[in-house]
Amino acid sequence: MTSFRARTVLAAGLVAFAMTPATAQNYPTRPVTIIVPFAAGGPTDVVARIVGDHMSKTLGQTIVIENTLGAGGTTASTRAMALRG
């Protein structure tokens, strides 16, 4: 029984010793782009700019608002897909 207890304590000590604190990566590392699929100056653009301003202050990162018109939003979603990769 004593050797089992000793092995358990040793295993717990090794596990505790092996654990290291995790460090997070800095995110985002480049400017964040918000794509608005409507014309500039409209209500959607205004809301995106207000939200982008708050996000910029919170993240400490540049936020770019990009208005992309056409094809009922298909052009904007294609643009978002191109930026992702």
PDB file of N, CA and C in Angstrom:
ATOM      1  N   MET A   1       0.823  -1.192   0.000  1.00  0.00           N
ATOM      2  CA  MET A   1       0.000   0.000   0.000  1.00  0.00           C
ATOM      3  C   MET A   1       0.866   1.254   0.000  1.00  0.00           C
ATOM      4  N   THR A   2       1.987   1.189   0.679  1.00  0.00           N
ATOM      5  CA  THR A   2       2.850   2.354   0.766  1.00  0.00           C
ATOM      6  C   THR A   2       3.465   2.675  -0.596  1.00  0.00           C
ATOM      7  N   SER A   3       3.854   1.665  -1.351  1.00  0.00           N
ATOM      8  CA  SER A   3       4.459   1.930  -2.657  1.00  0.00           C
ATOM      9  C   SER A   3       3.430   2.513  -3.624  1.00  0.00           C
ATOM     10  N   PHE A   4       2.171   2.075  -3.506  1.00  0.00           N
ATOM     11  CA  PHE A   4       1.121   2.646  -4.344  1.00  0.00           C
ATOM     12  C   PHE A   4       0.939   4.123  -4.024  1.00  0.00           C
ATOM     13  N   ARG A   5       0.919   4.460  -2.755  1.00  0.00           N
ATOM     14  CA  ARG A   5       0.763   5.848  -2.327  1.00  0.00           C
ATOM     15  C   ARG A   5       1.953   6.685  -2.795  1.00  0.00           C
ATOM     16  N   ALA A   6       3.145   6.126  -2.688  1.00  0.00           N
ATOM     17  CA  ALA A   6       4.348   6.848  -3.106  1.00  0.00           C
ATOM     18  C   ALA A   6       4.325   7.095  -4.615  1.00  0.00           C
ATOM     19  N   ARG A   7       3.906   6.091  -5.381  1.00  0.00           N
ATOM     20  CA  ARG A   7       3.821   6.259  -6.822  1.00  0.00           C
ATOM     21  C   ARG A   7       2.757   7.290  -7.210  1.00  0.00           C
ATOM     22  N   THR A   8       1.655   7.295  -6.489  1.00  0.00           N
ATOM     23  CA  THR A   8       0.596   8.268  -6.761  1.00  0.00           C
ATOM     24  C   THR A   8       1.075   9.680  -6.481  1.00  0.00           C
ATOM     25  N   VAL A   9       1.759   9.872  -5.361  1.00  0.00           N
ATOM     26  CA  VAL A   9       2.286  11.195  -5.015  1.00  0.00           C
ATOM     27  C   VAL A   9       3.343  11.621  -6.029  1.00  0.00           C
ATOM     28  N   LEU A  10       4.186  10.697  -6.441  1.00  0.00           N
ATOM     29  CA  LEU A  10       5.213  11.001  -7.433  1.00  0.00           C
ATOM     30  C   LEU A  10       4.584  11.384  -8.773  1.00  0.00           C
ATOM     31  N   ALA A  11       3.561  10.636  -9.190  1.00  0.00           N
ATOM     32  CA  ALA A  11       2.883  10.935 -10.456  1.00  0.00           C
ATOM     33  C   ALA A  11       2.206  12.300 -10.393  1.00  0.00           C
ATOM     34  N   ALA A  12       1.555  12.600  -9.282  1.00  0.00           N
ATOM     35  CA  ALA A  12       0.901  13.907  -9.128  1.00  0.00           C
ATOM     36  C   ALA A  12       1.935  15.027  -9.148  1.00  0.00           C
ATOM     37  N   GLY A  13       3.061  14.810  -8.529  1.00  0.00           N
ATOM     38  CA  GLY A  13       4.122  15.818  -8.538  1.00  0.00           C
ATOM     39  C   GLY A  13       4.681  16.048  -9.918  1.00  0.00           C
ATOM     40  N   LEU A  14       4.861  14.987 -10.697  1.00  0.00           N
ATOM     41  CA  LEU A  14       5.357  15.132 -12.065  1.00  0.00           C
ATOM     42  C   LEU A  14       4.360  15.865 -12.956  1.00  0.00           C
ATOM     43  N   VAL A  15       3.078  15.560 -12.782  1.00  0.00           N
ATOM     44  CA  VAL A  15       2.053  16.242 -13.566  1.00  0.00           C
ATOM     45  C   VAL A  15       2.028  17.722 -13.218  1.00  0.00           C
ATOM     46  N   ALA A  16       2.099  18.043 -11.933  1.00  0.00           N
ATOM     47  CA  ALA A  16       2.095  19.448 -11.504  1.00  0.00           C
ATOM     48  C   ALA A  16       3.334  20.174 -12.013  1.00  0.00           C
ATOM     49  N   PHE A  17       4.471  19.495 -12.042  1.00  0.00           N
ATOM     50  CA  PHE A  17       5.707  20.101 -12.517  1.00  0.00           C
ATOM     51  C   PHE A  17       5.661  20.342 -14.026  1.00  0.00           C
ATOM     52  N   ALA A  18       5.000  19.446 -14.759  1.00  0.00           N
ATOM     53  CA  ALA A  18       4.957  19.534 -16.220  1.00  0.00           C
ATOM     54  C   ALA A  18       3.987  20.602 -16.722  1.00  0.00           C
ATOM     55  N   MET A  19       3.040  21.004 -15.887  1.00  0.00           N
ATOM     56  CA  MET A  19       2.056  22.003 -16.311  1.00  0.00           C
ATOM     57  C   MET A  19       2.713  23.381 -16.367  1.00  0.00           C
ATOM     58  N   THR A  20       2.543  24.045 -17.484  1.00  0.00           N
ATOM     59  CA  THR A  20       3.062  25.404 -17.632  1.00  0.00           C
ATOM     60  C   THR A  20       1.900  26.305 -18.023  1.00  0.00           C
ATOM     61  N   PRO A  21       1.964  27.567 -17.665  1.00  0.00           N
ATOM     62  CA  PRO A  21       0.861  28.455 -18.029  1.00  0.00           C
ATOM     63  C   PRO A  21       0.802  28.664 -19.540  1.00  0.00           C
ATOM     64  N   ALA A  22      -0.403  28.684 -20.069  1.00  0.00           N
ATOM     65  CA  ALA A  22      -0.599  28.899 -21.499  1.00  0.00           C
ATOM     66  C   ALA A  22      -0.508  30.382 -21.798  1.00  0.00           C
ATOM     67  N   THR A  23       0.092  30.706 -22.916  1.00  0.00           N
ATOM     68  CA  THR A  23       0.164  32.096 -23.329  1.00  0.00           C
ATOM     69  C   THR A  23      -0.626  32.264 -24.613  1.00  0.00           C
ATOM     70  N   ALA A  24      -1.414  33.305 -24.666  1.00  0.00           N
ATOM     71  CA  ALA A  24      -2.245  33.568 -25.832  1.00  0.00           C
ATOM     72  C   ALA A  24      -1.458  34.360 -26.874  1.00  0.00           C
ATOM     73  N   GLN A  25      -1.810  34.135 -28.111  1.00  0.00           N
ATOM     74  CA  GLN A  25      -1.203  34.901 -29.186  1.00  0.00           C
ATOM     75  C   GLN A  25      -1.846  36.278 -29.228  1.00  0.00           C
ATOM     76  N   ASN A  26      -1.109  37.252 -29.722  1.00  0.00           N
ATOM     77  CA  ASN A  26      -1.692  38.565 -29.917  1.00  0.00           C
ATOM     78  C   ASN A  26      -2.648  38.494 -31.095  1.00  0.00           C
ATOM     79  N   TYR A  27      -3.894  38.861 -30.843  1.00  0.00           N
ATOM     80  CA  TYR A  27      -4.900  38.829 -31.897  1.00  0.00           C
ATOM     81  C   TYR A  27      -5.685  40.103 -31.840  1.00  0.00           C
ATOM     82  N   PRO A  28      -6.015  40.718 -32.870  1.00  0.00           N
ATOM     83  CA  PRO A  28      -5.588  40.469 -34.246  1.00  0.00           C
ATOM     84  C   PRO A  28      -4.220  41.067 -34.519  1.00  0.00           C
ATOM     85  N   THR A  29      -3.517  40.502 -35.467  1.00  0.00           N
ATOM     86  CA  THR A  29      -2.169  40.969 -35.782  1.00  0.00           C
ATOM     87  C   THR A  29      -2.147  41.924 -36.970  1.00  0.00           C
ATOM     88  N   ARG A  30      -3.269  42.088 -37.639  1.00  0.00           N
ATOM     89  CA  ARG A  30      -3.361  43.013 -38.773  1.00  0.00           C
ATOM     90  C   ARG A  30      -4.701  43.730 -38.690  1.00  0.00           C
ATOM     91  N   PRO A  31      -4.897  44.795 -39.464  1.00  0.00           N
ATOM     92  CA  PRO A  31      -6.164  45.531 -39.385  1.00  0.00           C
ATOM     93  C   PRO A  31      -7.376  44.639 -39.649  1.00  0.00           C
ATOM     94  N   VAL A  32      -8.454  44.893 -38.919  1.00  0.00           N
ATOM     95  CA  VAL A  32      -9.697  44.140 -39.077  1.00  0.00           C
ATOM     96  C   VAL A  32     -10.555  44.867 -40.111  1.00  0.00           C
ATOM     97  N   THR A  33     -11.088  44.128 -41.074  1.00  0.00           N
ATOM     98  CA  THR A  33     -11.935  44.715 -42.103  1.00  0.00           C
ATOM     99  C   THR A  33     -13.379  44.305 -41.865  1.00  0.00           C
ATOM    100  N   ILE A  34     -14.261  45.308 -41.763  1.00  0.00           N
ATOM    101  CA  ILE A  34     -15.701  45.062 -41.673  1.00  0.00           C
ATOM    102  C   ILE A  34     -16.273  45.368 -43.050  1.00  0.00           C
ATOM    103  N   ILE A  35     -16.874  44.365 -43.670  1.00  0.00           N
ATOM    104  CA  ILE A  35     -17.439  44.538 -45.006  1.00  0.00           C
ATOM    105  C   ILE A  35     -18.931  44.827 -44.860  1.00  0.00           C
ATOM    106  N   VAL A  36     -19.345  45.963 -45.399  1.00  0.00           N
ATOM    107  CA  VAL A  36     -20.749  46.375 -45.372  1.00  0.00           C
ATOM    108  C   VAL A  36     -21.293  46.227 -46.789  1.00  0.00           C
ATOM    109  N   PRO A  37     -22.308  45.373 -46.992  1.00  0.00           N
ATOM    110  CA  PRO A  37     -22.797  45.130 -48.353  1.00  0.00           C
ATOM    111  C   PRO A  37     -23.809  46.166 -48.841  1.00  0.00           C
ATOM    112  N   PHE A  38     -23.723  47.384 -48.330  1.00  0.00           N
ATOM    113  CA  PHE A  38     -24.634  48.456 -48.726  1.00  0.00           C
ATOM    114  C   PHE A  38     -23.843  49.717 -49.013  1.00  0.00           C
ATOM    115  N   ALA A  39     -24.518  50.725 -49.579  1.00  0.00           N
ATOM    116  CA  ALA A  39     -23.866  51.971 -49.959  1.00  0.00           C
ATOM    117  C   ALA A  39     -23.373  52.742 -48.738  1.00  0.00           C
ATOM    118  N   ALA A  40     -22.307  53.498 -48.942  1.00  0.00           N
ATOM    119  CA  ALA A  40     -21.767  54.344 -47.877  1.00  0.00           C
ATOM    120  C   ALA A  40     -22.764  55.451 -47.561  1.00  0.00           C
ATOM    121  N   GLY A  41     -22.867  55.794 -46.274  1.00  0.00           N
ATOM    122  CA  GLY A  41     -23.757  56.867 -45.854  1.00  0.00           C
ATOM    123  C   GLY A  41     -25.124  56.395 -45.429  1.00  0.00           C
ATOM    124  N   GLY A  42     -25.452  55.150 -45.690  1.00  0.00           N
ATOM    125  CA  GLY A  42     -26.745  54.609 -45.281  1.00  0.00           C
ATOM    126  C   GLY A  42     -26.728  54.191 -43.819  1.00  0.00           C
ATOM    127  N   PRO A  43     -27.875  53.773 -43.296  1.00  0.00           N
ATOM    128  CA  PRO A  43     -27.948  53.397 -41.881  1.00  0.00           C
ATOM    129  C   PRO A  43     -27.042  52.217 -41.519  1.00  0.00           C
ATOM    130  N   THR A  44     -26.893  51.262 -42.402  1.00  0.00           N
ATOM    131  CA  THR A  44     -26.022  50.118 -42.124  1.00  0.00           C
ATOM    132  C   THR A  44     -24.566  50.555 -42.021  1.00  0.00           C
ATOM    133  N   ASP A  45     -24.170  51.476 -42.882  1.00  0.00           N
ATOM    134  CA  ASP A  45     -22.807  52.003 -42.853  1.00  0.00           C
ATOM    135  C   ASP A  45     -22.552  52.772 -41.551  1.00  0.00           C
ATOM    136  N   VAL A  46     -23.530  53.567 -41.132  1.00  0.00           N
ATOM    137  CA  VAL A  46     -23.382  54.344 -39.901  1.00  0.00           C
ATOM    138  C   VAL A  46     -23.219  53.408 -38.697  1.00  0.00           C
ATOM    139  N   VAL A  47     -24.054  52.376 -38.621  1.00  0.00           N
ATOM    140  CA  VAL A  47     -23.950  51.413 -37.514  1.00  0.00           C
ATOM    141  C   VAL A  47     -22.603  50.704 -37.552  1.00  0.00           C
ATOM    142  N   ALA A  48     -22.150  50.311 -38.732  1.00  0.00           N
ATOM    143  CA  ALA A  48     -20.859  49.632 -38.850  1.00  0.00           C
ATOM    144  C   ALA A  48     -19.726  50.536 -38.385  1.00  0.00           C
ATOM    145  N   ARG A  49     -19.809  51.816 -38.685  1.00  0.00           N
ATOM    146  CA  ARG A  49     -18.761  52.747 -38.255  1.00  0.00           C
ATOM    147  C   ARG A  49     -18.782  52.972 -36.744  1.00  0.00           C
ATOM    148  N   ILE A  50     -19.973  53.016 -36.151  1.00  0.00           N
ATOM    149  CA  ILE A  50     -20.071  53.164 -34.689  1.00  0.00           C
ATOM    150  C   ILE A  50     -19.508  51.919 -33.997  1.00  0.00           C
ATOM    151  N   VAL A  51     -19.909  50.749 -34.473  1.00  0.00           N
ATOM    152  CA  VAL A  51     -19.403  49.494 -33.900  1.00  0.00           C
ATOM    153  C   VAL A  51     -17.898  49.367 -34.141  1.00  0.00           C
ATOM    154  N   GLY A  52     -17.443  49.729 -35.337  1.00  0.00           N
ATOM    155  CA  GLY A  52     -16.012  49.669 -35.657  1.00  0.00           C
ATOM    156  C   GLY A  52     -15.183  50.579 -34.776  1.00  0.00           C
ATOM    157  N   ASP A  53     -15.720  51.770 -34.459  1.00  0.00           N
ATOM    158  CA  ASP A  53     -15.010  52.697 -33.574  1.00  0.00           C
ATOM    159  C   ASP A  53     -14.860  52.097 -32.179  1.00  0.00           C
ATOM    160  N   HIS A  54     -15.940  51.508 -31.669  1.00  0.00           N
ATOM    161  CA  HIS A  54     -15.867  50.877 -30.346  1.00  0.00           C
ATOM    162  C   HIS A  54     -14.917  49.675 -30.356  1.00  0.00           C
ATOM    163  N   MET A  55     -14.982  48.873 -31.406  1.00  0.00           N
ATOM    164  CA  MET A  55     -14.077  47.724 -31.521  1.00  0.00           C
ATOM    165  C   MET A  55     -12.624  48.170 -31.575  1.00  0.00           C
ATOM    166  N   SER A  56     -12.363  49.263 -32.294  1.00  0.00           N
ATOM    167  CA  SER A  56     -11.002  49.773 -32.410  1.00  0.00           C
ATOM    168  C   SER A  56     -10.444  50.173 -31.046  1.00  0.00           C
ATOM    169  N   LYS A  57     -11.270  50.833 -30.254  1.00  0.00           N
ATOM    170  CA  LYS A  57     -10.836  51.235 -28.909  1.00  0.00           C
ATOM    171  C   LYS A  57     -10.647  50.029 -28.002  1.00  0.00           C
ATOM    172  N   THR A  58     -11.537  49.052 -28.105  1.00  0.00           N
ATOM    173  CA  THR A  58     -11.462  47.864 -27.253  1.00  0.00           C
ATOM    174  C   THR A  58     -10.274  46.983 -27.611  1.00  0.00           C
ATOM    175  N   LEU A  59     -10.058  46.725 -28.903  1.00  0.00           N
ATOM    176  CA  LEU A  59      -8.985  45.829 -29.356  1.00  0.00           C
ATOM    177  C   LEU A  59      -7.639  46.535 -29.470  1.00  0.00           C
ATOM    178  N   GLY A  60      -7.676  47.862 -29.592  1.00  0.00           N
ATOM    179  CA  GLY A  60      -6.433  48.589 -29.813  1.00  0.00           C
ATOM    180  C   GLY A  60      -5.865  48.315 -31.193  1.00  0.00           C
ATOM    181  N   GLN A  61      -6.746  48.094 -32.146  1.00  0.00           N
ATOM    182  CA  GLN A  61      -6.351  47.720 -33.494  1.00  0.00           C
ATOM    183  C   GLN A  61      -7.118  48.569 -34.499  1.00  0.00           C
ATOM    184  N   THR A  62      -6.565  48.761 -35.667  1.00  0.00           N
ATOM    185  CA  THR A  62      -7.229  49.524 -36.718  1.00  0.00           C
ATOM    186  C   THR A  62      -8.389  48.721 -37.290  1.00  0.00           C
ATOM    187  N   ILE A  63      -9.535  49.380 -37.436  1.00  0.00           N
ATOM    188  CA  ILE A  63     -10.709  48.764 -38.046  1.00  0.00           C
ATOM    189  C   ILE A  63     -10.987  49.496 -39.354  1.00  0.00           C
ATOM    190  N   VAL A  64     -11.103  48.746 -40.433  1.00  0.00           N
ATOM    191  CA  VAL A  64     -11.362  49.313 -41.756  1.00  0.00           C
ATOM    192  C   VAL A  64     -12.792  48.945 -42.155  1.00  0.00           C
ATOM    193  N   ILE A  65     -13.597  49.969 -42.491  1.00  0.00           N
ATOM    194  CA  ILE A  65     -14.956  49.737 -42.976  1.00  0.00           C
ATOM    195  C   ILE A  65     -14.906  49.765 -44.497  1.00  0.00           C
ATOM    196  N   GLU A  66     -15.355  48.684 -45.112  1.00  0.00           N
ATOM    197  CA  GLU A  66     -15.317  48.580 -46.573  1.00  0.00           C
ATOM    198  C   GLU A  66     -16.728  48.367 -47.098  1.00  0.00           C
ATOM    199  N   ASN A  67     -17.224  49.347 -47.856  1.00  0.00           N
ATOM    200  CA  ASN A  67     -18.549  49.238 -48.461  1.00  0.00           C
ATOM    201  C   ASN A  67     -18.393  48.578 -49.824  1.00  0.00           C
ATOM    202  N   THR A  68     -19.061  47.435 -49.999  1.00  0.00           N
ATOM    203  CA  THR A  68     -18.982  46.686 -51.252  1.00  0.00           C
ATOM    204  C   THR A  68     -20.397  46.468 -51.765  1.00  0.00           C
ATOM    205  N   LEU A  69     -20.725  47.105 -52.859  1.00  0.00           N
ATOM    206  CA  LEU A  69     -22.081  47.045 -53.412  1.00  0.00           C
ATOM    207  C   LEU A  69     -22.187  46.013 -54.513  1.00  0.00           C
ATOM    208  N   GLY A  70     -23.400  45.612 -54.798  1.00  0.00           N
ATOM    209  CA  GLY A  70     -23.668  44.829 -55.993  1.00  0.00           C
ATOM    210  C   GLY A  70     -24.146  43.418 -55.754  1.00  0.00           C
ATOM    211  N   ALA A  71     -24.970  42.975 -56.666  1.00  0.00           N
ATOM    212  CA  ALA A  71     -25.459  41.597 -56.753  1.00  0.00           C
ATOM    213  C   ALA A  71     -26.167  41.135 -55.486  1.00  0.00           C
ATOM    214  N   GLY A  72     -26.861  42.046 -54.836  1.00  0.00           N
ATOM    215  CA  GLY A  72     -27.650  41.672 -53.656  1.00  0.00           C
ATOM    216  C   GLY A  72     -26.822  41.131 -52.510  1.00  0.00           C
ATOM    217  N   GLY A  73     -25.603  41.575 -52.381  1.00  0.00           N
ATOM    218  CA  GLY A  73     -24.729  41.132 -51.294  1.00  0.00           C
ATOM    219  C   GLY A  73     -23.759  40.033 -51.689  1.00  0.00           C
ATOM    220  N   THR A  74     -23.931  39.472 -52.877  1.00  0.00           N
ATOM    221  CA  THR A  74     -23.037  38.405 -53.328  1.00  0.00           C
ATOM    222  C   THR A  74     -21.616  38.919 -53.516  1.00  0.00           C
ATOM    223  N   THR A  75     -21.475  40.123 -54.010  1.00  0.00           N
ATOM    224  CA  THR A  75     -20.146  40.705 -54.206  1.00  0.00           C
ATOM    225  C   THR A  75     -19.436  40.862 -52.864  1.00  0.00           C
ATOM    226  N   ALA A  76     -20.174  41.319 -51.852  1.00  0.00           N
ATOM    227  CA  ALA A  76     -19.585  41.500 -50.524  1.00  0.00           C
ATOM    228  C   ALA A  76     -19.194  40.157 -49.904  1.00  0.00           C
ATOM    229  N   SER A  77     -20.032  39.145 -50.056  1.00  0.00           N
ATOM    230  CA  SER A  77     -19.682  37.843 -49.483  1.00  0.00           C
ATOM    231  C   SER A  77     -18.498  37.218 -50.218  1.00  0.00           C
ATOM    232  N   THR A  78     -18.386  37.453 -51.517  1.00  0.00           N
ATOM    233  CA  THR A  78     -17.224  36.977 -52.267  1.00  0.00           C
ATOM    234  C   THR A  78     -15.966  37.699 -51.809  1.00  0.00           C
ATOM    235  N   ARG A  79     -16.090  38.990 -51.535  1.00  0.00           N
ATOM    236  CA  ARG A  79     -14.964  39.787 -51.024  1.00  0.00           C
ATOM    237  C   ARG A  79     -14.518  39.280 -49.653  1.00  0.00           C
ATOM    238  N   ALA A  80     -15.497  38.956 -48.809  1.00  0.00           N
ATOM    239  CA  ALA A  80     -15.165  38.419 -47.476  1.00  0.00           C
ATOM    240  C   ALA A  80     -14.446  37.088 -47.594  1.00  0.00           C
ATOM    241  N   MET A  81     -14.879  36.257 -48.518  1.00  0.00           N
ATOM    242  CA  MET A  81     -14.228  34.967 -48.721  1.00  0.00           C
ATOM    243  C   MET A  81     -12.789  35.157 -49.220  1.00  0.00           C
ATOM    244  N   ALA A  82     -12.582  36.162 -50.065  1.00  0.00           N
ATOM    245  CA  ALA A  82     -11.233  36.423 -50.594  1.00  0.00           C
ATOM    246  C   ALA A  82     -10.315  36.948 -49.490  1.00  0.00           C
ATOM    247  N   LEU A  83     -10.841  37.750 -48.574  1.00  0.00           N
ATOM    248  CA  LEU A  83     -10.026  38.276 -47.473  1.00  0.00           C
ATOM    249  C   LEU A  83      -9.671  37.194 -46.470  1.00  0.00           C
ATOM    250  N   ARG A  84     -10.507  36.211 -46.330  1.00  0.00           N
ATOM    251  CA  ARG A  84     -10.289  35.145 -45.347  1.00  0.00           C
ATOM    252  C   ARG A  84      -9.024  34.366 -45.640  1.00  0.00           C
ATOM    253  N   GLY A  85      -8.765  34.090 -46.883  1.00  0.00           N
ATOM    254  CA  GLY A  85      -7.633  33.241 -47.263  1.00  0.00           C
ATOM    255  C   GLY A  85      -6.388  33.961 -47.388  1.00  0.00           C
TER     256      GLY A  85
END
